[in-house]
Amino acid sequence: IHQGDLAGVCSNMGNVLESVTESRYPIVGRLK
């Protein structure tokens, strides 16, 4: 973000709560 590098931001994005929600609702993973 400090570098203004959007591709770098996106390649490192992540959300640990997906481990809960995506396992219950597979549509979350499919949409991604």
ModelCIF file with pLDDT and N, C-alpha, C, O atoms, coordinates in Angstrom:
data_MODEL
#
_entry.id   MODEL 
#
_entity.id                         1 
_entity.type                       polymer 
_entity.pdbx_number_of_molecules   1 
#
_entity_poly.entity_id                      1 
_entity_poly.type                           'polypeptide(L)' 
_entity_poly.nstd_linkage                   no 
_entity_poly.nstd_monomer                   no 
_entity_poly.pdbx_seq_one_letter_code       IHQGDLAGVCSNMGNVLESVTESRYPIVGRLK 
_entity_poly.pdbx_seq_one_letter_code_can   IHQGDLAGVCSNMGNVLESVTESRYPIVGRLK 
_entity_poly.pdbx_strand_id                 A 
#
loop_
_entity_poly_seq.entity_id 
_entity_poly_seq.num 
_entity_poly_seq.mon_id 
_entity_poly_seq.hetero 
1 1  ILE n 
1 2  HIS n 
1 3  GLN n 
1 4  GLY n 
1 5  ASP n 
1 6  LEU n 
1 7  ALA n 
1 8  GLY n 
1 9  VAL n 
1 10 CYS n 
1 11 SER n 
1 12 ASN n 
1 13 MET n 
1 14 GLY n 
1 15 ASN n 
1 16 VAL n 
1 17 LEU n 
1 18 GLU n 
1 19 SER n 
1 20 VAL n 
1 21 THR n 
1 22 GLU n 
1 23 SER n 
1 24 ARG n 
1 25 TYR n 
1 26 PRO n 
1 27 ILE n 
1 28 VAL n 
1 29 GLY n 
1 30 ARG n 
1 31 LEU n 
1 32 LYS n 
#
_struct_asym.id          A 
_struct_asym.entity_id   1 
#
loop_
_ma_qa_metric.id 
_ma_qa_metric.mode 
_ma_qa_metric.name 
_ma_qa_metric.software_group_id 
_ma_qa_metric.type 
1 global pLDDT . pLDDT 
2 local  pLDDT . pLDDT 
#
_ma_qa_metric_global.metric_id      1 
_ma_qa_metric_global.metric_value   96.31 
_ma_qa_metric_global.model_id       1 
_ma_qa_metric_global.ordinal_id     1 
#
loop_
_ma_qa_metric_local.label_asym_id 
_ma_qa_metric_local.label_comp_id 
_ma_qa_metric_local.label_seq_id 
_ma_qa_metric_local.metric_id 
_ma_qa_metric_local.metric_value 
_ma_qa_metric_local.model_id 
_ma_qa_metric_local.ordinal_id 
A ILE 1  2 98.00 1 1  
A HIS 2  2 98.00 1 2  
A GLN 3  2 97.00 1 3  
A GLY 4  2 96.00 1 4  
A ASP 5  2 98.00 1 5  
A LEU 6  2 98.00 1 6  
A ALA 7  2 97.00 1 7  
A GLY 8  2 98.00 1 8  
A VAL 9  2 98.00 1 9  
A CYS 10 2 98.00 1 10 
A SER 11 2 97.00 1 11 
A ASN 12 2 97.00 1 12 
A MET 13 2 97.00 1 13 
A GLY 14 2 96.00 1 14 
A ASN 15 2 96.00 1 15 
A VAL 16 2 95.00 1 16 
A LEU 17 2 96.00 1 17 
A GLU 18 2 95.00 1 18 
A SER 19 2 94.00 1 19 
A VAL 20 2 94.00 1 20 
A THR 21 2 94.00 1 21 
A GLU 22 2 93.00 1 22 
A SER 23 2 92.00 1 23 
A ARG 24 2 94.00 1 24 
A TYR 25 2 95.00 1 25 
A PRO 26 2 96.00 1 26 
A ILE 27 2 97.00 1 27 
A VAL 28 2 97.00 1 28 
A GLY 29 2 97.00 1 29 
A ARG 30 2 98.00 1 30 
A LEU 31 2 98.00 1 31 
A LYS 32 2 98.00 1 32 
#
loop_
_atom_site.group_PDB 
_atom_site.id 
_atom_site.type_symbol 
_atom_site.label_atom_id 
_atom_site.label_alt_id 
_atom_site.label_comp_id 
_atom_site.label_asym_id 
_atom_site.label_entity_id 
_atom_site.label_seq_id 
_atom_site.pdbx_PDB_ins_code 
_atom_site.Cartn_x 
_atom_site.Cartn_y 
_atom_site.Cartn_z 
_atom_site.occupancy 
_atom_site.B_iso_or_equiv 
_atom_site.pdbx_formal_charge 
_atom_site.auth_seq_id 
_atom_site.auth_comp_id 
_atom_site.auth_asym_id 
_atom_site.auth_atom_id 
_atom_site.pdbx_PDB_model_num 
ATOM 1   N N  . ILE A 1 1  ? 0.848   -1.201  0.000  1.00 98.00 ? 1  ILE A N  1 
ATOM 2   C CA . ILE A 1 1  ? 0.000   0.000   0.000  1.00 98.00 ? 1  ILE A CA 1 
ATOM 3   C C  . ILE A 1 1  ? 0.882   1.250   0.000  1.00 98.00 ? 1  ILE A C  1 
ATOM 4   O O  . ILE A 1 1  ? 0.619   2.202   -0.734 1.00 98.00 ? 1  ILE A O  1 
ATOM 5   N N  . HIS A 1 2  ? 1.921   1.239   0.821  1.00 98.00 ? 2  HIS A N  1 
ATOM 6   C CA . HIS A 1 2  ? 2.850   2.374   0.847  1.00 98.00 ? 2  HIS A CA 1 
ATOM 7   C C  . HIS A 1 2  ? 3.556   2.555   -0.495 1.00 98.00 ? 2  HIS A C  1 
ATOM 8   O O  . HIS A 1 2  ? 3.916   3.673   -0.864 1.00 98.00 ? 2  HIS A O  1 
ATOM 9   N N  . GLN A 1 3  ? 3.752   1.465   -1.219 1.00 97.00 ? 3  GLN A N  1 
ATOM 10  C CA . GLN A 1 3  ? 4.393   1.537   -2.533 1.00 97.00 ? 3  GLN A CA 1 
ATOM 11  C C  . GLN A 1 3  ? 3.404   1.926   -3.635 1.00 97.00 ? 3  GLN A C  1 
ATOM 12  O O  . GLN A 1 3  ? 3.807   2.216   -4.761 1.00 97.00 ? 3  GLN A O  1 
ATOM 13  N N  . GLY A 1 4  ? 2.111   1.930   -3.305 1.00 96.00 ? 4  GLY A N  1 
ATOM 14  C CA . GLY A 1 4  ? 1.095   2.195   -4.325 1.00 96.00 ? 4  GLY A CA 1 
ATOM 15  C C  . GLY A 1 4  ? 0.993   1.066   -5.337 1.00 96.00 ? 4  GLY A C  1 
ATOM 16  O O  . GLY A 1 4  ? 0.601   1.286   -6.483 1.00 96.00 ? 4  GLY A O  1 
ATOM 17  N N  . ASP A 1 5  ? 1.347   -0.145  -4.914 1.00 98.00 ? 5  ASP A N  1 
ATOM 18  C CA . ASP A 1 5  ? 1.402   -1.312  -5.798 1.00 98.00 ? 5  ASP A CA 1 
ATOM 19  C C  . ASP A 1 5  ? 0.148   -2.162  -5.590 1.00 98.00 ? 5  ASP A C  1 
ATOM 20  O O  . ASP A 1 5  ? 0.097   -3.003  -4.693 1.00 98.00 ? 5  ASP A O  1 
ATOM 21  N N  . LEU A 1 6  ? -0.851  -1.932  -6.424 1.00 98.00 ? 6  LEU A N  1 
ATOM 22  C CA . LEU A 1 6  ? -2.124  -2.637  -6.274 1.00 98.00 ? 6  LEU A CA 1 
ATOM 23  C C  . LEU A 1 6  ? -1.960  -4.131  -6.536 1.00 98.00 ? 6  LEU A C  1 
ATOM 24  O O  . LEU A 1 6  ? -2.569  -4.946  -5.843 1.00 98.00 ? 6  LEU A O  1 
ATOM 25  N N  . ALA A 1 7  ? -1.152  -4.501  -7.519 1.00 97.00 ? 7  ALA A N  1 
ATOM 26  C CA . ALA A 1 7  ? -0.936  -5.925  -7.799 1.00 97.00 ? 7  ALA A CA 1 
ATOM 27  C C  . ALA A 1 7  ? -0.276  -6.608  -6.607 1.00 97.00 ? 7  ALA A C  1 
ATOM 28  O O  . ALA A 1 7  ? -0.619  -7.741  -6.268 1.00 97.00 ? 7  ALA A O  1 
ATOM 29  N N  . GLY A 1 8  ? 0.678   -5.912  -5.966 1.00 98.00 ? 8  GLY A N  1 
ATOM 30  C CA . GLY A 1 8  ? 1.327   -6.468  -4.783 1.00 98.00 ? 8  GLY A CA 1 
ATOM 31  C C  . GLY A 1 8  ? 0.351   -6.647  -3.639 1.00 98.00 ? 8  GLY A C  1 
ATOM 32  O O  . GLY A 1 8  ? 0.403   -7.649  -2.925 1.00 98.00 ? 8  GLY A O  1 
ATOM 33  N N  . VAL A 1 9  ? -0.545  -5.676  -3.456 1.00 98.00 ? 9  VAL A N  1 
ATOM 34  C CA . VAL A 1 9  ? -1.589  -5.784  -2.425 1.00 98.00 ? 9  VAL A CA 1 
ATOM 35  C C  . VAL A 1 9  ? -2.453  -7.011  -2.692 1.00 98.00 ? 9  VAL A C  1 
ATOM 36  O O  . VAL A 1 9  ? -2.697  -7.822  -1.798 1.00 98.00 ? 9  VAL A O  1 
ATOM 37  N N  . CYS A 1 10 ? -2.911  -7.134  -3.940 1.00 98.00 ? 10 CYS A N  1 
ATOM 38  C CA . CYS A 1 10 ? -3.846  -8.213  -4.277 1.00 98.00 ? 10 CYS A CA 1 
ATOM 39  C C  . CYS A 1 10 ? -3.211  -9.599  -4.166 1.00 98.00 ? 10 CYS A C  1 
ATOM 40  O O  . CYS A 1 10 ? -3.877  -10.565 -3.794 1.00 98.00 ? 10 CYS A O  1 
ATOM 41  N N  . SER A 1 11 ? -1.918  -9.691  -4.490 1.00 97.00 ? 11 SER A N  1 
ATOM 42  C CA . SER A 1 11 ? -1.251  -10.996 -4.423 1.00 97.00 ? 11 SER A CA 1 
ATOM 43  C C  . SER A 1 11 ? -1.033  -11.448 -2.983 1.00 97.00 ? 11 SER A C  1 
ATOM 44  O O  . SER A 1 11 ? -0.718  -12.612 -2.737 1.00 97.00 ? 11 SER A O  1 
ATOM 45  N N  . ASN A 1 12 ? -1.200  -10.527 -2.028 1.00 97.00 ? 12 ASN A N  1 
ATOM 46  C CA . ASN A 1 12 ? -0.999  -10.875 -0.618 1.00 97.00 ? 12 ASN A CA 1 
ATOM 47  C C  . ASN A 1 12 ? -2.270  -10.754 0.229  1.00 97.00 ? 12 ASN A C  1 
ATOM 48  O O  . ASN A 1 12 ? -2.229  -10.936 1.446  1.00 97.00 ? 12 ASN A O  1 
ATOM 49  N N  . MET A 1 13 ? -3.402  -10.446 -0.423 1.00 97.00 ? 13 MET A N  1 
ATOM 50  C CA . MET A 1 13 ? -4.663  -10.354 0.321  1.00 97.00 ? 13 MET A CA 1 
ATOM 51  C C  . MET A 1 13 ? -5.018  -11.696 0.943  1.00 97.00 ? 13 MET A C  1 
ATOM 52  O O  . MET A 1 13 ? -4.630  -12.750 0.439  1.00 97.00 ? 13 MET A O  1 
ATOM 53  N N  . GLY A 1 14 ? -5.748  -11.646 2.027  1.00 96.00 ? 14 GLY A N  1 
ATOM 54  C CA . GLY A 1 14 ? -6.212  -12.878 2.653  1.00 96.00 ? 14 GLY A CA 1 
ATOM 55  C C  . GLY A 1 14 ? -7.109  -12.583 3.828  1.00 96.00 ? 14 GLY A C  1 
ATOM 56  O O  . GLY A 1 14 ? -7.033  -11.510 4.427  1.00 96.00 ? 14 GLY A O  1 
ATOM 57  N N  . ASN A 1 15 ? -7.952  -13.528 4.156  1.00 96.00 ? 15 ASN A N  1 
ATOM 58  C CA . ASN A 1 15 ? -8.930  -13.367 5.230  1.00 96.00 ? 15 ASN A CA 1 
ATOM 59  C C  . ASN A 1 15 ? -9.074  -14.698 5.949  1.00 96.00 ? 15 ASN A C  1 
ATOM 60  O O  . ASN A 1 15 ? -9.628  -15.647 5.394  1.00 96.00 ? 15 ASN A O  1 
ATOM 61  N N  . VAL A 1 16 ? -8.580  -14.774 7.177  1.00 95.00 ? 16 VAL A N  1 
ATOM 62  C CA . VAL A 1 16 ? -8.612  -16.048 7.899  1.00 95.00 ? 16 VAL A CA 1 
ATOM 63  C C  . VAL A 1 16 ? -10.041 -16.505 8.214  1.00 95.00 ? 16 VAL A C  1 
ATOM 64  O O  . VAL A 1 16 ? -10.265 -17.691 8.458  1.00 95.00 ? 16 VAL A O  1 
ATOM 65  N N  . LEU A 1 17 ? -11.010 -15.579 8.213  1.00 96.00 ? 17 LEU A N  1 
ATOM 66  C CA . LEU A 1 17 ? -12.390 -15.967 8.516  1.00 96.00 ? 17 LEU A CA 1 
ATOM 67  C C  . LEU A 1 17 ? -13.052 -16.734 7.373  1.00 96.00 ? 17 LEU A C  1 
ATOM 68  O O  . LEU A 1 17 ? -14.121 -17.319 7.548  1.00 96.00 ? 17 LEU A O  1 
ATOM 69  N N  . GLU A 1 18 ? -12.409 -16.728 6.200  1.00 95.00 ? 18 GLU A N  1 
ATOM 70  C CA . GLU A 1 18 ? -12.917 -17.562 5.113  1.00 95.00 ? 18 GLU A CA 1 
ATOM 71  C C  . GLU A 1 18 ? -12.895 -19.031 5.517  1.00 95.00 ? 18 GLU A C  1 
ATOM 72  O O  . GLU A 1 18 ? -13.691 -19.824 5.014  1.00 95.00 ? 18 GLU A O  1 
ATOM 73  N N  . SER A 1 19 ? -11.992 -19.398 6.418  1.00 94.00 ? 19 SER A N  1 
ATOM 74  C CA . SER A 1 19 ? -11.890 -20.796 6.858  1.00 94.00 ? 19 SER A CA 1 
ATOM 75  C C  . SER A 1 19 ? -13.174 -21.259 7.530  1.00 94.00 ? 19 SER A C  1 
ATOM 76  O O  . SER A 1 19 ? -13.466 -22.454 7.565  1.00 94.00 ? 19 SER A O  1 
ATOM 77  N N  . VAL A 1 20 ? -13.942 -20.309 8.066  1.00 94.00 ? 20 VAL A N  1 
ATOM 78  C CA . VAL A 1 20 ? -15.226 -20.645 8.687  1.00 94.00 ? 20 VAL A CA 1 
ATOM 79  C C  . VAL A 1 20 ? -16.359 -20.496 7.680  1.00 94.00 ? 20 VAL A C  1 
ATOM 80  O O  . VAL A 1 20 ? -17.099 -21.447 7.427  1.00 94.00 ? 20 VAL A O  1 
ATOM 81  N N  . THR A 1 21 ? -16.495 -19.310 7.108  1.00 94.00 ? 21 THR A N  1 
ATOM 82  C CA . THR A 1 21 ? -17.650 -19.005 6.260  1.00 94.00 ? 21 THR A CA 1 
ATOM 83  C C  . THR A 1 21 ? -17.646 -19.801 4.966  1.00 94.00 ? 21 THR A C  1 
ATOM 84  O O  . THR A 1 21 ? -18.682 -20.315 4.545  1.00 94.00 ? 21 THR A O  1 
ATOM 85  N N  . GLU A 1 22 ? -16.473 -19.904 4.329  1.00 93.00 ? 22 GLU A N  1 
ATOM 86  C CA . GLU A 1 22 ? -16.407 -20.611 3.048  1.00 93.00 ? 22 GLU A CA 1 
ATOM 87  C C  . GLU A 1 22 ? -16.671 -22.102 3.213  1.00 93.00 ? 22 GLU A C  1 
ATOM 88  O O  . GLU A 1 22 ? -17.233 -22.736 2.320  1.00 93.00 ? 22 GLU A O  1 
ATOM 89  N N  . SER A 1 23 ? -16.269 -22.668 4.353  1.00 92.00 ? 23 SER A N  1 
ATOM 90  C CA . SER A 1 23 ? -16.516 -24.098 4.571  1.00 92.00 ? 23 SER A CA 1 
ATOM 91  C C  . SER A 1 23 ? -18.015 -24.377 4.724  1.00 92.00 ? 23 SER A C  1 
ATOM 92  O O  . SER A 1 23 ? -18.493 -25.458 4.382  1.00 92.00 ? 23 SER A O  1 
ATOM 93  N N  . ARG A 1 24 ? -18.746 -23.388 5.243  1.00 94.00 ? 24 ARG A N  1 
ATOM 94  C CA . ARG A 1 24 ? -20.196 -23.542 5.409  1.00 94.00 ? 24 ARG A CA 1 
ATOM 95  C C  . ARG A 1 24 ? -20.961 -23.181 4.142  1.00 94.00 ? 24 ARG A C  1 
ATOM 96  O O  . ARG A 1 24 ? -21.999 -23.767 3.836  1.00 94.00 ? 24 ARG A O  1 
ATOM 97  N N  . TYR A 1 25 ? -20.430 -22.211 3.417  1.00 95.00 ? 25 TYR A N  1 
ATOM 98  C CA . TYR A 1 25 ? -21.121 -21.699 2.233  1.00 95.00 ? 25 TYR A CA 1 
ATOM 99  C C  . TYR A 1 25 ? -20.145 -21.720 1.055  1.00 95.00 ? 25 TYR A C  1 
ATOM 100 O O  . TYR A 1 25 ? -19.459 -20.729 0.803  1.00 95.00 ? 25 TYR A O  1 
ATOM 101 N N  . PRO A 1 26 ? -20.079 -22.834 0.337  1.00 96.00 ? 26 PRO A N  1 
ATOM 102 C CA . PRO A 1 26 ? -19.119 -22.980 -0.769 1.00 96.00 ? 26 PRO A CA 1 
ATOM 103 C C  . PRO A 1 26 ? -19.266 -21.925 -1.861 1.00 96.00 ? 26 PRO A C  1 
ATOM 104 O O  . PRO A 1 26 ? -18.332 -21.710 -2.633 1.00 96.00 ? 26 PRO A O  1 
ATOM 105 N N  . ILE A 1 27 ? -20.425 -21.259 -1.941 1.00 97.00 ? 27 ILE A N  1 
ATOM 106 C CA . ILE A 1 27 ? -20.622 -20.224 -2.955 1.00 97.00 ? 27 ILE A CA 1 
ATOM 107 C C  . ILE A 1 27 ? -19.594 -19.111 -2.802 1.00 97.00 ? 27 ILE A C  1 
ATOM 108 O O  . ILE A 1 27 ? -19.246 -18.452 -3.782 1.00 97.00 ? 27 ILE A O  1 
ATOM 109 N N  . VAL A 1 28 ? -19.104 -18.893 -1.582 1.00 97.00 ? 28 VAL A N  1 
ATOM 110 C CA . VAL A 1 28 ? -18.081 -17.869 -1.355 1.00 97.00 ? 28 VAL A CA 1 
ATOM 111 C C  . VAL A 1 28 ? -16.832 -18.202 -2.164 1.00 97.00 ? 28 VAL A C  1 
ATOM 112 O O  . VAL A 1 28 ? -16.279 -17.337 -2.843 1.00 97.00 ? 28 VAL A O  1 
ATOM 113 N N  . GLY A 1 29 ? -16.390 -19.447 -2.090 1.00 97.00 ? 29 GLY A N  1 
ATOM 114 C CA . GLY A 1 29 ? -15.222 -19.869 -2.851 1.00 97.00 ? 29 GLY A CA 1 
ATOM 115 C C  . GLY A 1 29 ? -15.464 -19.850 -4.351 1.00 97.00 ? 29 GLY A C  1 
ATOM 116 O O  . GLY A 1 29 ? -14.579 -19.487 -5.126 1.00 97.00 ? 29 GLY A O  1 
ATOM 117 N N  . ARG A 1 30 ? -16.659 -20.239 -4.755 1.00 98.00 ? 30 ARG A N  1 
ATOM 118 C CA . ARG A 1 30 ? -16.976 -20.249 -6.191 1.00 98.00 ? 30 ARG A CA 1 
ATOM 119 C C  . ARG A 1 30 ? -16.970 -18.833 -6.767 1.00 98.00 ? 30 ARG A C  1 
ATOM 120 O O  . ARG A 1 30 ? -16.487 -18.605 -7.876 1.00 98.00 ? 30 ARG A O  1 
ATOM 121 N N  . LEU A 1 31 ? -17.508 -17.896 -6.006 1.00 98.00 ? 31 LEU A N  1 
ATOM 122 C CA . LEU A 1 31 ? -17.527 -16.511 -6.485 1.00 98.00 ? 31 LEU A CA 1 
ATOM 123 C C  . LEU A 1 31 ? -16.106 -15.971 -6.651 1.00 98.00 ? 31 LEU A C  1 
ATOM 124 O O  . LEU A 1 31 ? -15.817 -15.269 -7.620 1.00 98.00 ? 31 LEU A O  1 
ATOM 125 N N  . LYS A 1 32 ? -15.232 -16.294 -5.718 1.00 98.00 ? 32 LYS A N  1 
ATOM 126 C CA . LYS A 1 32 ? -13.837 -15.855 -5.846 1.00 98.00 ? 32 LYS A CA 1 
ATOM 127 C C  . LYS A 1 32 ? -13.210 -16.436 -7.115 1.00 98.00 ? 32 LYS A C  1 
ATOM 128 O O  . LYS A 1 32 ? -12.039 -16.181 -7.397 1.00 98.00 ? 32 LYS A O  1 
#
